Amino acid sequence: MVGVKEMQELLRSEYGISSPEELIKAIRDMKKINVAVFTQPVVGKEVRDD
């Protein structure tokens, strides 16, 4: 598991994010994704629960 210090270093080196404020701004500016495809039932297919 990655610790806080390692995650902060990763964000700084890979994305140039070095403060909580920059992280919040980056999250708010992210392109939105539609997750509906992951929440809709499968129609016309047999769903097995093996």
PDB file of N, CA and C in Angstrom:
ATOM      1  N   MET A   1       0.841  -1.170   0.000  1.00  0.00           N
ATOM      2  CA  MET A   1       0.000   0.000   0.000  1.00  0.00           C
ATOM      3  C   MET A   1       0.896   1.246   0.000  1.00  0.00           C
ATOM      4  N   VAL A   2       0.465   2.232  -0.730  1.00  0.00           N
ATOM      5  CA  VAL A   2       1.216   3.481  -0.835  1.00  0.00           C
ATOM      6  C   VAL A   2       0.851   4.382   0.337  1.00  0.00           C
ATOM      7  N   GLY A   3       1.864   4.961   0.963  1.00  0.00           N
ATOM      8  CA  GLY A   3       1.632   5.875   2.070  1.00  0.00           C
ATOM      9  C   GLY A   3       1.382   7.290   1.574  1.00  0.00           C
ATOM     10  N   VAL A   4       1.075   8.157   2.511  1.00  0.00           N
ATOM     11  CA  VAL A   4       0.765   9.550   2.187  1.00  0.00           C
ATOM     12  C   VAL A   4       1.958  10.233   1.523  1.00  0.00           C
ATOM     13  N   LYS A   5       3.135  10.066   2.084  1.00  0.00           N
ATOM     14  CA  LYS A   5       4.330  10.723   1.534  1.00  0.00           C
ATOM     15  C   LYS A   5       4.610  10.257   0.108  1.00  0.00           C
ATOM     16  N   GLU A   6       4.459   8.956  -0.145  1.00  0.00           N
ATOM     17  CA  GLU A   6       4.688   8.424  -1.495  1.00  0.00           C
ATOM     18  C   GLU A   6       3.663   8.970  -2.481  1.00  0.00           C
ATOM     19  N   MET A   7       2.410   9.076  -2.040  1.00  0.00           N
ATOM     20  CA  MET A   7       1.368   9.613  -2.927  1.00  0.00           C
ATOM     21  C   MET A   7       1.611  11.092  -3.210  1.00  0.00           C
ATOM     22  N   GLN A   8       2.031  11.840  -2.204  1.00  0.00           N
ATOM     23  CA  GLN A   8       2.341  13.254  -2.421  1.00  0.00           C
ATOM     24  C   GLN A   8       3.485  13.404  -3.417  1.00  0.00           C
ATOM     25  N   GLU A   9       4.511  12.559  -3.309  1.00  0.00           N
ATOM     26  CA  GLU A   9       5.644  12.612  -4.237  1.00  0.00           C
ATOM     27  C   GLU A   9       5.200  12.248  -5.652  1.00  0.00           C
ATOM     28  N   LEU A  10       4.350  11.244  -5.788  1.00  0.00           N
ATOM     29  CA  LEU A  10       3.832  10.842  -7.098  1.00  0.00           C
ATOM     30  C   LEU A  10       3.038  11.979  -7.731  1.00  0.00           C
ATOM     31  N   LEU A  11       2.152  12.592  -6.971  1.00  0.00           N
ATOM     32  CA  LEU A  11       1.358  13.705  -7.503  1.00  0.00           C
ATOM     33  C   LEU A  11       2.253  14.867  -7.927  1.00  0.00           C
ATOM     34  N   ARG A  12       3.292  15.135  -7.140  1.00  0.00           N
ATOM     35  CA  ARG A  12       4.203  16.230  -7.465  1.00  0.00           C
ATOM     36  C   ARG A  12       5.007  15.922  -8.724  1.00  0.00           C
ATOM     37  N   SER A  13       5.592  14.739  -8.779  1.00  0.00           N
ATOM     38  CA  SER A  13       6.487  14.418  -9.901  1.00  0.00           C
ATOM     39  C   SER A  13       5.743  14.135 -11.210  1.00  0.00           C
ATOM     40  N   GLU A  14       4.590  13.487 -11.130  1.00  0.00           N
ATOM     41  CA  GLU A  14       3.859  13.106 -12.344  1.00  0.00           C
ATOM     42  C   GLU A  14       2.893  14.179 -12.838  1.00  0.00           C
ATOM     43  N   TYR A  15       2.324  14.941 -11.921  1.00  0.00           N
ATOM     44  CA  TYR A  15       1.254  15.862 -12.292  1.00  0.00           C
ATOM     45  C   TYR A  15       1.506  17.309 -11.883  1.00  0.00           C
ATOM     46  N   GLY A  16       2.603  17.574 -11.185  1.00  0.00           N
ATOM     47  CA  GLY A  16       2.906  18.934 -10.767  1.00  0.00           C
ATOM     48  C   GLY A  16       1.994  19.449  -9.670  1.00  0.00           C
ATOM     49  N   ILE A  17       1.362  18.541  -8.938  1.00  0.00           N
ATOM     50  CA  ILE A  17       0.442  18.913  -7.864  1.00  0.00           C
ATOM     51  C   ILE A  17       1.202  18.828  -6.547  1.00  0.00           C
ATOM     52  N   SER A  18       1.330  19.980  -5.878  1.00  0.00           N
ATOM     53  CA  SER A  18       2.123  19.986  -4.648  1.00  0.00           C
ATOM     54  C   SER A  18       1.379  20.535  -3.436  1.00  0.00           C
ATOM     55  N   SER A  19       0.075  20.764  -3.570  1.00  0.00           N
ATOM     56  CA  SER A  19      -0.688  21.244  -2.413  1.00  0.00           C
ATOM     57  C   SER A  19      -2.117  20.694  -2.502  1.00  0.00           C
ATOM     58  N   PRO A  20      -2.793  20.651  -1.362  1.00  0.00           N
ATOM     59  CA  PRO A  20      -4.194  20.212  -1.383  1.00  0.00           C
ATOM     60  C   PRO A  20      -5.066  21.076  -2.298  1.00  0.00           C
ATOM     61  N   GLU A  21      -4.786  22.368  -2.343  1.00  0.00           N
ATOM     62  CA  GLU A  21      -5.560  23.260  -3.197  1.00  0.00           C
ATOM     63  C   GLU A  21      -5.383  22.909  -4.671  1.00  0.00           C
ATOM     64  N   GLU A  22      -4.148  22.602  -5.072  1.00  0.00           N
ATOM     65  CA  GLU A  22      -3.891  22.209  -6.464  1.00  0.00           C
ATOM     66  C   GLU A  22      -4.576  20.884  -6.789  1.00  0.00           C
ATOM     67  N   LEU A  23      -4.611  19.967  -5.840  1.00  0.00           N
ATOM     68  CA  LEU A  23      -5.294  18.687  -6.049  1.00  0.00           C
ATOM     69  C   LEU A  23      -6.785  18.903  -6.237  1.00  0.00           C
ATOM     70  N   ILE A  24      -7.391  19.705  -5.397  1.00  0.00           N
ATOM     71  CA  ILE A  24      -8.824  19.990  -5.510  1.00  0.00           C
ATOM     72  C   ILE A  24      -9.132  20.646  -6.852  1.00  0.00           C
ATOM     73  N   LYS A  25      -8.310  21.589  -7.279  1.00  0.00           N
ATOM     74  CA  LYS A  25      -8.517  22.245  -8.574  1.00  0.00           C
ATOM     75  C   LYS A  25      -8.402  21.240  -9.712  1.00  0.00           C
ATOM     76  N   ALA A  26      -7.400  20.358  -9.647  1.00  0.00           N
ATOM     77  CA  ALA A  26      -7.217  19.353 -10.694  1.00  0.00           C
ATOM     78  C   ALA A  26      -8.413  18.413 -10.771  1.00  0.00           C
ATOM     79  N   ILE A  27      -8.949  18.020  -9.634  1.00  0.00           N
ATOM     80  CA  ILE A  27     -10.116  17.136  -9.612  1.00  0.00           C
ATOM     81  C   ILE A  27     -11.326  17.851 -10.194  1.00  0.00           C
ATOM     82  N   ARG A  28     -11.524  19.099  -9.828  1.00  0.00           N
ATOM     83  CA  ARG A  28     -12.665  19.863 -10.350  1.00  0.00           C
ATOM     84  C   ARG A  28     -12.558  20.093 -11.853  1.00  0.00           C
ATOM     85  N   ASP A  29     -11.331  20.213 -12.359  1.00  0.00           N
ATOM     86  CA  ASP A  29     -11.123  20.486 -13.780  1.00  0.00           C
ATOM     87  C   ASP A  29     -11.100  19.225 -14.646  1.00  0.00           C
ATOM     88  N   MET A  30     -11.160  18.048 -14.015  1.00  0.00           N
ATOM     89  CA  MET A  30     -11.117  16.794 -14.776  1.00  0.00           C
ATOM     90  C   MET A  30     -12.315  16.679 -15.707  1.00  0.00           C
ATOM     91  N   LYS A  31     -12.097  16.025 -16.832  1.00  0.00           N
ATOM     92  CA  LYS A  31     -13.188  15.737 -17.754  1.00  0.00           C
ATOM     93  C   LYS A  31     -14.157  14.780 -17.054  1.00  0.00           C
ATOM     94  N   LYS A  32     -15.433  15.072 -17.166  1.00  0.00           N
ATOM     95  CA  LYS A  32     -16.452  14.240 -16.526  1.00  0.00           C
ATOM     96  C   LYS A  32     -16.626  12.941 -17.319  1.00  0.00           C
ATOM     97  N   ILE A  33     -16.959  11.859 -16.613  1.00  0.00           N
ATOM     98  CA  ILE A  33     -17.211  10.582 -17.277  1.00  0.00           C
ATOM     99  C   ILE A  33     -18.622  10.112 -16.954  1.00  0.00           C
ATOM    100  N   ASN A  34     -19.214   9.383 -17.871  1.00  0.00           N
ATOM    101  CA  ASN A  34     -20.551   8.835 -17.698  1.00  0.00           C
ATOM    102  C   ASN A  34     -20.405   7.407 -17.172  1.00  0.00           C
ATOM    103  N   VAL A  35     -20.813   7.184 -15.931  1.00  0.00           N
ATOM    104  CA  VAL A  35     -20.683   5.862 -15.322  1.00  0.00           C
ATOM    105  C   VAL A  35     -21.951   5.028 -15.478  1.00  0.00           C
ATOM    106  N   ALA A  36     -22.925   5.513 -16.227  1.00  0.00           N
ATOM    107  CA  ALA A  36     -24.187   4.798 -16.384  1.00  0.00           C
ATOM    108  C   ALA A  36     -23.982   3.400 -16.941  1.00  0.00           C
ATOM    109  N   VAL A  37     -23.036   3.230 -17.825  1.00  0.00           N
ATOM    110  CA  VAL A  37     -22.802   1.922 -18.427  1.00  0.00           C
ATOM    111  C   VAL A  37     -22.449   0.880 -17.358  1.00  0.00           C
ATOM    112  N   PHE A  38     -21.898   1.307 -16.252  1.00  0.00           N
ATOM    113  CA  PHE A  38     -21.519   0.383 -15.189  1.00  0.00           C
ATOM    114  C   PHE A  38     -22.654   0.121 -14.204  1.00  0.00           C
ATOM    115  N   THR A  39     -23.748   0.867 -14.321  1.00  0.00           N
ATOM    116  CA  THR A  39     -24.839   0.735 -13.360  1.00  0.00           C
ATOM    117  C   THR A  39     -26.120   0.189 -13.981  1.00  0.00           C
ATOM    118  N   GLN A  40     -26.155   0.021 -15.288  1.00  0.00           N
ATOM    119  CA  GLN A  40     -27.352  -0.449 -15.964  1.00  0.00           C
ATOM    120  C   GLN A  40     -27.363  -1.976 -16.037  1.00  0.00           C
ATOM    121  N   PRO A  41     -28.538  -2.578 -15.925  1.00  0.00           N
ATOM    122  CA  PRO A  41     -28.615  -4.046 -16.047  1.00  0.00           C
ATOM    123  C   PRO A  41     -28.310  -4.489 -17.471  1.00  0.00           C
ATOM    124  N   VAL A  42     -27.798  -5.677 -17.601  1.00  0.00           N
ATOM    125  CA  VAL A  42     -27.522  -6.251 -18.914  1.00  0.00           C
ATOM    126  C   VAL A  42     -28.838  -6.772 -19.458  1.00  0.00           C
ATOM    127  N   VAL A  43     -29.208  -6.327 -20.659  1.00  0.00           N
ATOM    128  CA  VAL A  43     -30.478  -6.707 -21.265  1.00  0.00           C
ATOM    129  C   VAL A  43     -30.215  -7.744 -22.354  1.00  0.00           C
ATOM    130  N   GLY A  44     -31.010  -8.817 -22.340  1.00  0.00           N
ATOM    131  CA  GLY A  44     -30.911  -9.824 -23.380  1.00  0.00           C
ATOM    132  C   GLY A  44     -29.767 -10.794 -23.202  1.00  0.00           C
ATOM    133  N   LYS A  45     -29.092 -10.745 -22.115  1.00  0.00           N
ATOM    134  CA  LYS A  45     -27.985 -11.666 -21.843  1.00  0.00           C
ATOM    135  C   LYS A  45     -28.275 -12.385 -20.536  1.00  0.00           C
ATOM    136  N   GLU A  46     -27.898 -13.654 -20.504  1.00  0.00           N
ATOM    137  CA  GLU A  46     -28.016 -14.403 -19.262  1.00  0.00           C
ATOM    138  C   GLU A  46     -26.881 -13.999 -18.335  1.00  0.00           C
ATOM    139  N   VAL A  47     -27.214 -13.660 -17.118  1.00  0.00           N
ATOM    140  CA  VAL A  47     -26.203 -13.283 -16.135  1.00  0.00           C
ATOM    141  C   VAL A  47     -26.086 -14.432 -15.147  1.00  0.00           C
ATOM    142  N   ARG A  48     -24.889 -14.963 -15.046  1.00  0.00           N
ATOM    143  CA  ARG A  48     -24.646 -16.091 -14.145  1.00  0.00           C
ATOM    144  C   ARG A  48     -23.919 -15.612 -12.907  1.00  0.00           C
ATOM    145  N   ASP A  49     -24.285 -16.195 -11.807  1.00  0.00           N
ATOM    146  CA  ASP A  49     -23.665 -15.855 -10.533  1.00  0.00           C
ATOM    147  C   ASP A  49     -22.931 -17.084 -10.016  1.00  0.00           C
ATOM    148  N   ASP A  50     -21.820 -17.425 -10.690  1.00  0.00           N
ATOM    149  CA  ASP A  50     -21.057 -18.635 -10.309  1.00  0.00           C
ATOM    150  C   ASP A  50     -20.121 -18.384  -9.178  1.00  0.00           C
TER     151      ASP A  50
END
